[in-house]
Amino acid sequence: MDLGLKGKYAVVTAASKGLGRAVAEGLAEEGANLLLCSRDGSSIEAFASELQGKHGIMAQGIGADVGSKQDIDRLIAKAKELFPRVDALLCSAGGPPSGSFLSIEDEAWEKAFQTNMMSVVRLVRGFYPLMSGQGGRIVTIASSSVKVPIPGLVLSNTLRAGIAGLMKTLSIELAADQILLNTLCPGRIMTDRLTELDEARAGRENKSVDEIRAAIVQDIPLGRYGKPDEFASLASYLLSPRNSYMTGSTFFVDGGMVKSL
């Protein structure tokens, strides 16, 4: 299906690996021009060059940490320099560390708040002027914990739910500008982040990673972990002109793992 992204302008954060990288690849395959960022500047520059050569698009990478206001300001300035407008924005960020409530100090709360919540606030606010007037699409990556808290991830559980609330609110406030905002929640998608979480749980429970995953898969109706490109397919659609009437929604890409309505 042609998503109508050819020649459009998209920004993807935390795009050097994991779900951000998969979405960037999906958008490039559809012909979107890309501005990508990651904390690893050399890695994101190499990835942008790879996408440009592979798909014949304009792509540029910039080293930027979305937990930093100054870095987000630089990203926005670069977008203004490169693009006449921004049609699509994917807000992605690395997940906060695992841990129970009593084990986490204020510094970790503050860092997670800046990286996972304020990054979305600043990105949407900063890119709004590049979307207003012609409309746009914004997707934020949250987590299945928006519905079902994940044991040992109090930081993520708290902030991801807040992000979903923010996006719902913004979908109402920015509707007059034809800016459509949605939250996309991965379940068990095979990424480096998920491997780290599985390894941490295996250590806590004195089990192997294979044992941990075998137990988790039993609770997934489709019987397996998801693949990043399966997640990226829905993200690309929501970020495209093909999505013309879906806003303020929270979507789960989880193989049926979340059992709530």
Protein backbone atom coordinates (compact mmCIF):
# COMPACT_ATOMS: atom_id res chain seq x y z
CA MET A 1 0.00 0.00 0.00
CA ASP A 2 1.28 3.43 -0.93
CA LEU A 3 1.10 5.49 2.25
CA GLY A 4 1.58 8.79 0.48
CA LEU A 5 4.87 9.53 2.24
CA LYS A 6 7.01 9.97 -0.86
CA GLY A 7 8.63 13.39 -0.74
CA LYS A 8 7.27 14.13 2.76
CA TYR A 9 9.50 15.34 5.59
CA ALA A 10 9.80 13.31 8.79
CA VAL A 11 11.79 13.53 12.01
CA VAL A 12 12.57 10.44 14.09
CA THR A 13 14.29 10.60 17.48
CA ALA A 14 16.33 7.82 19.13
CA ALA A 15 16.66 6.33 15.66
CA SER A 16 20.01 4.56 15.77
CA LYS A 17 18.61 1.30 17.12
CA GLY A 18 15.50 -0.49 18.34
CA LEU A 19 12.02 0.70 17.48
CA GLY A 20 13.12 4.17 16.40
CA ARG A 21 15.48 2.64 13.86
CA ALA A 22 12.78 0.30 12.57
CA VAL A 23 10.34 3.17 12.08
CA ALA A 24 12.98 5.25 10.29
CA GLU A 25 13.60 2.34 7.95
CA GLY A 26 9.87 1.97 7.31
CA LEU A 27 9.46 5.67 6.52
CA ALA A 28 12.47 5.59 4.20
CA GLU A 29 11.03 2.62 2.32
CA GLU A 30 7.93 4.74 1.72
CA GLY A 31 10.02 7.56 0.29
CA ALA A 32 9.99 10.05 3.17
CA ASN A 33 12.92 12.43 3.62
CA LEU A 34 14.36 12.05 7.11
CA LEU A 35 16.08 13.92 9.89
CA LEU A 36 17.23 11.40 12.49
CA CYS A 37 18.79 11.87 15.89
CA SER A 38 20.51 9.70 18.46
CA ARG A 39 22.90 10.19 21.34
CA ASP A 40 25.45 8.32 19.22
CA GLY A 41 26.25 10.90 16.56
CA SER A 42 28.55 8.76 14.39
CA SER A 43 26.11 5.85 14.39
CA ILE A 44 23.11 7.96 13.39
CA GLU A 45 25.07 9.74 10.66
CA ALA A 46 26.10 6.36 9.22
CA PHE A 47 22.52 5.08 9.37
CA ALA A 48 21.18 8.19 7.63
CA SER A 49 23.77 7.78 4.88
CA GLU A 50 22.80 4.14 4.50
CA LEU A 51 19.10 4.99 4.14
CA GLN A 52 19.86 7.75 1.65
CA GLY A 53 21.86 5.43 -0.57
CA LYS A 54 19.44 2.54 -0.26
CA HIS A 55 16.16 4.38 -0.82
CA GLY A 56 17.14 7.48 -2.82
CA ILE A 57 15.80 9.90 -0.21
CA MET A 58 17.32 12.86 1.59
CA ALA A 59 18.42 11.73 5.05
CA GLN A 60 20.60 13.32 7.68
CA GLY A 61 21.61 12.26 11.16
CA ILE A 62 22.47 14.48 14.09
CA GLY A 63 23.84 13.61 17.50
CA ALA A 64 21.26 14.72 20.07
CA ASP A 65 20.02 13.51 23.45
CA VAL A 66 16.27 14.11 23.75
CA GLY A 67 16.72 14.38 27.52
CA SER A 68 18.49 17.69 26.89
CA LYS A 69 16.53 20.85 26.07
CA GLN A 70 19.58 22.29 24.32
CA ASP A 71 19.91 19.21 22.10
CA ILE A 72 16.23 19.30 21.19
CA ASP A 73 16.62 22.97 20.28
CA ARG A 74 19.52 22.02 17.99
CA LEU A 75 17.42 19.28 16.37
CA ILE A 76 14.58 21.71 15.70
CA ALA A 77 16.99 24.27 14.26
CA LYS A 78 18.45 21.62 11.96
CA ALA A 79 14.96 20.67 10.76
CA LYS A 80 14.23 24.32 9.95
CA GLU A 81 17.49 24.47 8.02
CA LEU A 82 16.83 21.30 6.00
CA PHE A 83 13.06 21.14 5.53
CA PRO A 84 10.37 23.60 4.40
CA ARG A 85 8.01 21.91 6.85
CA VAL A 86 7.68 18.75 8.95
CA ASP A 87 4.92 16.31 8.02
CA ALA A 88 5.64 13.56 10.54
CA LEU A 89 7.32 13.30 13.93
CA LEU A 90 8.11 10.13 15.85
CA CYS A 91 8.94 10.78 19.51
CA SER A 92 11.10 7.93 20.73
CA ALA A 93 13.49 7.73 23.67
CA GLY A 94 15.43 5.09 25.52
CA GLY A 95 13.56 3.45 28.37
CA PRO A 96 14.42 4.36 31.97
CA PRO A 97 16.25 1.85 34.16
CA SER A 98 14.46 -0.95 35.93
CA GLY A 99 13.98 -1.01 39.69
CA SER A 100 11.38 -0.98 42.44
CA PHE A 101 9.94 2.19 43.96
CA LEU A 102 12.04 2.07 47.15
CA SER A 103 15.27 1.44 45.25
CA ILE A 104 15.12 4.50 42.99
CA GLU A 105 16.52 7.89 44.03
CA ASP A 106 15.34 11.35 43.01
CA GLU A 107 18.07 11.73 40.40
CA ALA A 108 16.77 8.74 38.43
CA TRP A 109 13.21 10.08 38.60
CA GLU A 110 14.35 13.47 37.31
CA LYS A 111 16.41 12.00 34.47
CA ALA A 112 13.54 9.73 33.41
CA PHE A 113 11.12 12.66 33.53
CA GLN A 114 13.37 14.77 31.31
CA THR A 115 14.08 11.96 28.85
CA ASN A 116 10.68 10.33 28.58
CA MET A 117 8.14 13.05 29.36
CA MET A 118 9.70 16.46 28.78
CA SER A 119 11.23 15.27 25.52
CA VAL A 120 7.73 14.79 24.11
CA VAL A 121 6.58 18.15 25.47
CA ARG A 122 9.54 19.95 23.92
CA LEU A 123 9.47 18.08 20.61
CA VAL A 124 5.77 18.68 20.00
CA ARG A 125 5.99 22.31 21.10
CA GLY A 126 9.10 22.89 19.00
CA PHE A 127 7.87 21.23 15.81
CA TYR A 128 4.35 22.65 16.01
CA PRO A 129 5.26 25.78 14.00
CA LEU A 130 6.61 23.53 11.21
CA MET A 131 3.28 21.65 11.07
CA SER A 132 0.66 24.31 11.71
CA GLY A 133 -0.93 25.54 8.52
CA GLN A 134 -0.68 22.28 6.59
CA GLY A 135 -1.23 19.69 9.32
CA GLY A 136 0.96 16.82 10.43
CA ARG A 137 1.19 13.49 12.19
CA ILE A 138 2.85 12.78 15.55
CA VAL A 139 3.35 9.38 17.14
CA THR A 140 4.89 8.77 20.55
CA ILE A 141 6.22 5.38 21.58
CA ALA A 142 5.03 4.36 25.03
CA SER A 143 4.59 0.81 26.37
CA SER A 144 2.01 -1.85 27.12
CA SER A 145 2.46 -0.68 30.73
CA VAL A 146 0.01 2.11 29.87
CA LYS A 147 -2.64 -0.57 30.52
CA VAL A 148 -0.83 -3.16 32.65
CA PRO A 149 2.11 -2.05 34.85
CA ILE A 150 5.23 -4.17 34.39
CA PRO A 151 6.86 -5.44 37.61
CA GLY A 152 10.20 -3.76 38.34
CA LEU A 153 9.62 -0.85 35.94
CA VAL A 154 8.07 1.82 38.16
CA LEU A 155 9.71 4.68 36.25
CA SER A 156 8.45 3.48 32.89
CA ASN A 157 5.02 2.54 34.25
CA THR A 158 4.53 6.03 35.64
CA LEU A 159 5.86 8.12 32.78
CA ARG A 160 4.42 6.10 29.89
CA ALA A 161 0.93 6.53 31.31
CA GLY A 162 1.57 10.26 31.59
CA ILE A 163 2.66 10.39 27.94
CA ALA A 164 -0.58 8.73 26.83
CA GLY A 165 -2.53 11.34 28.80
CA LEU A 166 -0.50 14.14 27.22
CA MET A 167 -1.07 12.85 23.69
CA LYS A 168 -4.79 12.49 24.27
CA THR A 169 -4.96 16.08 25.49
CA LEU A 170 -2.90 17.41 22.60
CA SER A 171 -5.05 15.55 20.07
CA ILE A 172 -7.92 17.76 21.22
CA GLU A 173 -5.97 21.00 21.51
CA LEU A 174 -4.22 20.67 18.12
CA ALA A 175 -7.12 19.20 16.13
CA ALA A 176 -7.99 22.59 14.62
CA ASP A 177 -4.49 22.60 13.08
CA GLN A 178 -5.11 19.18 11.50
CA ILE A 179 -2.31 17.67 13.57
CA LEU A 180 -3.11 14.06 14.44
CA LEU A 181 -1.42 12.59 17.51
CA ASN A 182 -1.41 8.96 18.63
CA THR A 183 0.40 6.78 21.15
CA LEU A 184 1.86 3.46 20.05
CA CYS A 185 2.55 0.84 22.71
CA PRO A 186 4.87 -2.08 22.05
CA GLY A 187 4.50 -5.32 23.93
CA ARG A 188 7.35 -7.81 23.77
CA ILE A 189 9.13 -6.61 20.64
CA MET A 190 12.60 -8.08 20.17
CA THR A 191 15.00 -5.16 20.67
CA ASP A 192 18.19 -4.53 22.63
CA ARG A 193 16.09 -2.84 25.33
CA LEU A 194 13.95 -5.93 25.74
CA THR A 195 17.01 -8.16 25.89
CA GLU A 196 18.37 -5.98 28.72
CA LEU A 197 15.09 -6.25 30.63
CA ASP A 198 14.90 -10.02 30.15
CA GLU A 199 18.50 -10.40 31.31
CA ALA A 200 17.85 -8.24 34.37
CA ARG A 201 14.80 -10.32 35.28
CA ALA A 202 16.73 -13.54 34.74
CA GLY A 203 19.35 -12.28 37.17
CA ARG A 204 16.78 -11.33 39.80
CA GLU A 205 15.02 -14.68 39.56
CA ASN A 206 18.19 -16.77 39.14
CA LYS A 207 16.94 -18.22 35.85
CA SER A 208 18.20 -18.30 32.28
CA VAL A 209 16.99 -15.78 29.71
CA ASP A 210 15.44 -18.66 27.75
CA GLU A 211 13.42 -19.69 30.80
CA ILE A 212 12.21 -16.12 31.29
CA ARG A 213 11.16 -15.81 27.67
CA ALA A 214 9.45 -19.18 27.60
CA ALA A 215 7.31 -18.11 30.57
CA ILE A 216 6.47 -14.75 29.00
CA VAL A 217 5.51 -16.25 25.65
CA GLN A 218 2.91 -18.40 27.39
CA ASP A 219 1.00 -15.19 28.12
CA ILE A 220 1.13 -13.95 24.51
CA PRO A 221 -1.75 -15.37 22.44
CA LEU A 222 0.31 -15.29 19.23
CA GLY A 223 2.96 -17.32 21.01
CA ARG A 224 6.06 -15.29 20.19
CA TYR A 225 7.86 -11.98 20.59
CA GLY A 226 7.15 -9.38 17.91
CA LYS A 227 9.60 -8.07 15.33
CA PRO A 228 10.57 -4.39 15.05
CA ASP A 229 9.32 -4.15 11.47
CA GLU A 230 5.86 -5.32 12.60
CA PHE A 231 5.77 -2.38 14.99
CA ALA A 232 7.12 -0.03 12.33
CA SER A 233 4.34 -0.93 9.88
CA LEU A 234 1.66 0.56 12.11
CA ALA A 235 3.83 3.53 13.06
CA SER A 236 4.44 4.35 9.39
CA TYR A 237 0.72 4.24 8.69
CA LEU A 238 -0.16 6.50 11.62
CA LEU A 239 2.52 8.97 10.50
CA SER A 240 1.30 9.02 6.91
CA PRO A 241 -1.40 10.92 4.98
CA ARG A 242 -3.26 7.62 4.78
CA ASN A 243 -4.15 8.20 8.40
CA SER A 244 -6.72 10.93 8.02
CA TYR A 245 -9.15 10.27 10.89
CA MET A 246 -7.29 8.52 13.71
CA THR A 247 -6.13 10.77 16.52
CA GLY A 248 -6.00 10.68 20.30
CA SER A 249 -5.83 6.89 20.34
CA THR A 250 -3.52 4.44 22.06
CA PHE A 251 -2.63 1.40 19.98
CA PHE A 252 -1.01 -1.83 21.19
CA VAL A 253 1.38 -3.92 19.12
CA ASP A 254 1.64 -6.82 21.52
CA GLY A 255 0.41 -10.07 19.96
CA GLY A 256 -2.67 -9.89 22.17
CA MET A 257 -0.66 -9.84 25.41
CA VAL A 258 -2.70 -7.05 27.04
CA LYS A 259 -6.00 -8.68 27.96
CA SER A 260 -7.90 -5.55 29.05
CA LEU A 261 -10.46 -3.86 26.82
